[in-house]
C-alpha atoms as a PDB file:
ATOM      1  CA  UNK A   1      76.705  75.982  -9.072  1.00  0.00           C
ATOM      2  CA  UNK A   2      80.411  76.528  -8.395  1.00  0.00           C
ATOM      3  CA  UNK A   3      80.099  80.138  -9.489  1.00  0.00           C
ATOM      4  CA  UNK A   4      77.181  80.659  -7.117  1.00  0.00           C
ATOM      5  CA  UNK A   5      79.101  79.104  -4.230  1.00  0.00           C
ATOM      6  CA  UNK A   6      82.450  80.836  -4.589  1.00  0.00           C
ATOM      7  CA  UNK A   7      81.978  83.519  -7.257  1.00  0.00           C
ATOM      8  CA  UNK A   8      84.453  81.960  -9.672  1.00  0.00           C
ATOM      9  CA  UNK A   9      84.261  81.864 -13.446  1.00  0.00           C
ATOM     10  CA  UNK A  10      83.721  78.470 -15.049  1.00  0.00           C
ATOM     11  CA  UNK A  11      84.896  77.380 -18.469  1.00  0.00           C
ATOM     12  CA  UNK A  12      82.818  74.639 -20.056  1.00  0.00           C
ATOM     13  CA  UNK A  13      83.982  72.923 -23.212  1.00  0.00           C
ATOM     14  CA  UNK A  14      82.227  70.167 -25.154  1.00  0.00           C
ATOM     15  CA  UNK A  15      84.515  68.035 -27.288  1.00  0.00           C
ATOM     16  CA  UNK A  16      82.336  64.995 -27.893  1.00  0.00           C
ATOM     17  CA  UNK A  17      82.820  65.043 -31.672  1.00  0.00           C
ATOM     18  CA  UNK A  18      86.510  65.944 -31.915  1.00  0.00           C
ATOM     19  CA  UNK A  19      89.840  64.150 -31.951  1.00  0.00           C
ATOM     20  CA  UNK A  20      91.934  63.908 -28.789  1.00  0.00           C
ATOM     21  CA  UNK A  21      94.867  65.837 -30.304  1.00  0.00           C
ATOM     22  CA  UNK A  22      92.690  68.891 -30.922  1.00  0.00           C
ATOM     23  CA  UNK A  23      91.291  68.722 -27.412  1.00  0.00           C
ATOM     24  CA  UNK A  24      94.717  68.578 -25.761  1.00  0.00           C
ATOM     25  CA  UNK A  25      95.991  71.584 -27.691  1.00  0.00           C
ATOM     26  CA  UNK A  26      93.026  73.659 -26.516  1.00  0.00           C
ATOM     27  CA  UNK A  27      93.677  72.915 -22.849  1.00  0.00           C
ATOM     28  CA  UNK A  28      96.694  75.220 -22.973  1.00  0.00           C
ATOM     29  CA  UNK A  29      94.239  78.033 -23.689  1.00  0.00           C
ATOM     30  CA  UNK A  30      91.731  76.968 -21.015  1.00  0.00           C
ATOM     31  CA  UNK A  31      94.038  76.239 -18.078  1.00  0.00           C
ATOM     32  CA  UNK A  32      96.072  78.717 -16.069  1.00  0.00           C
ATOM     33  CA  UNK A  33      98.130  78.697 -12.856  1.00  0.00           C
ATOM     34  CA  UNK A  34      94.931  79.808 -11.089  1.00  0.00           C
ATOM     35  CA  UNK A  35      93.054  76.639 -12.116  1.00  0.00           C
ATOM     36  CA  UNK A  36      91.753  74.864  -9.024  1.00  0.00           C
ATOM     37  CA  UNK A  37      89.606  72.050 -10.419  1.00  0.00           C
ATOM     38  CA  UNK A  38      89.301  70.092 -13.651  1.00  0.00           C
ATOM     39  CA  UNK A  39      86.382  67.722 -14.159  1.00  0.00           C
ATOM     40  CA  UNK A  40      86.299  65.255 -17.051  1.00  0.00           C
ATOM     41  CA  UNK A  41      83.394  62.905 -17.711  1.00  0.00           C
ATOM     42  CA  UNK A  42      83.059  59.958 -20.038  1.00  0.00           C
ATOM     43  CA  UNK A  43      80.144  57.746 -20.963  1.00  0.00           C
ATOM     44  CA  UNK A  44      80.746  54.024 -20.807  1.00  0.00           C
ATOM     45  CA  UNK A  45      78.993  51.228 -22.670  1.00  0.00           C
ATOM     46  CA  UNK A  46      80.413  48.064 -21.122  1.00  0.00           C
ATOM     47  CA  UNK A  47      77.750  45.764 -22.597  1.00  0.00           C
ATOM     48  CA  UNK A  48      77.961  47.274 -26.077  1.00  0.00           C
ATOM     49  CA  UNK A  49      74.202  47.679 -26.410  1.00  0.00           C
ATOM     50  CA  UNK A  50      72.663  50.205 -28.760  1.00  0.00           C
ATOM     51  CA  UNK A  51      69.337  51.927 -28.136  1.00  0.00           C
ATOM     52  CA  UNK A  52      68.670  53.558 -31.504  1.00  0.00           C
END
């Protein structure tokens, strides 16, 4: 959607199965001085329920 609105290139990374240290080291490759927006999401399970 962002690309359609402003013609910018998006970089999408999925790190759901990796350690935080590996993720942080890759951000040096993904980010540049031209970076305008970073969006990070996280799922939360406050009640601790499992639906398996």
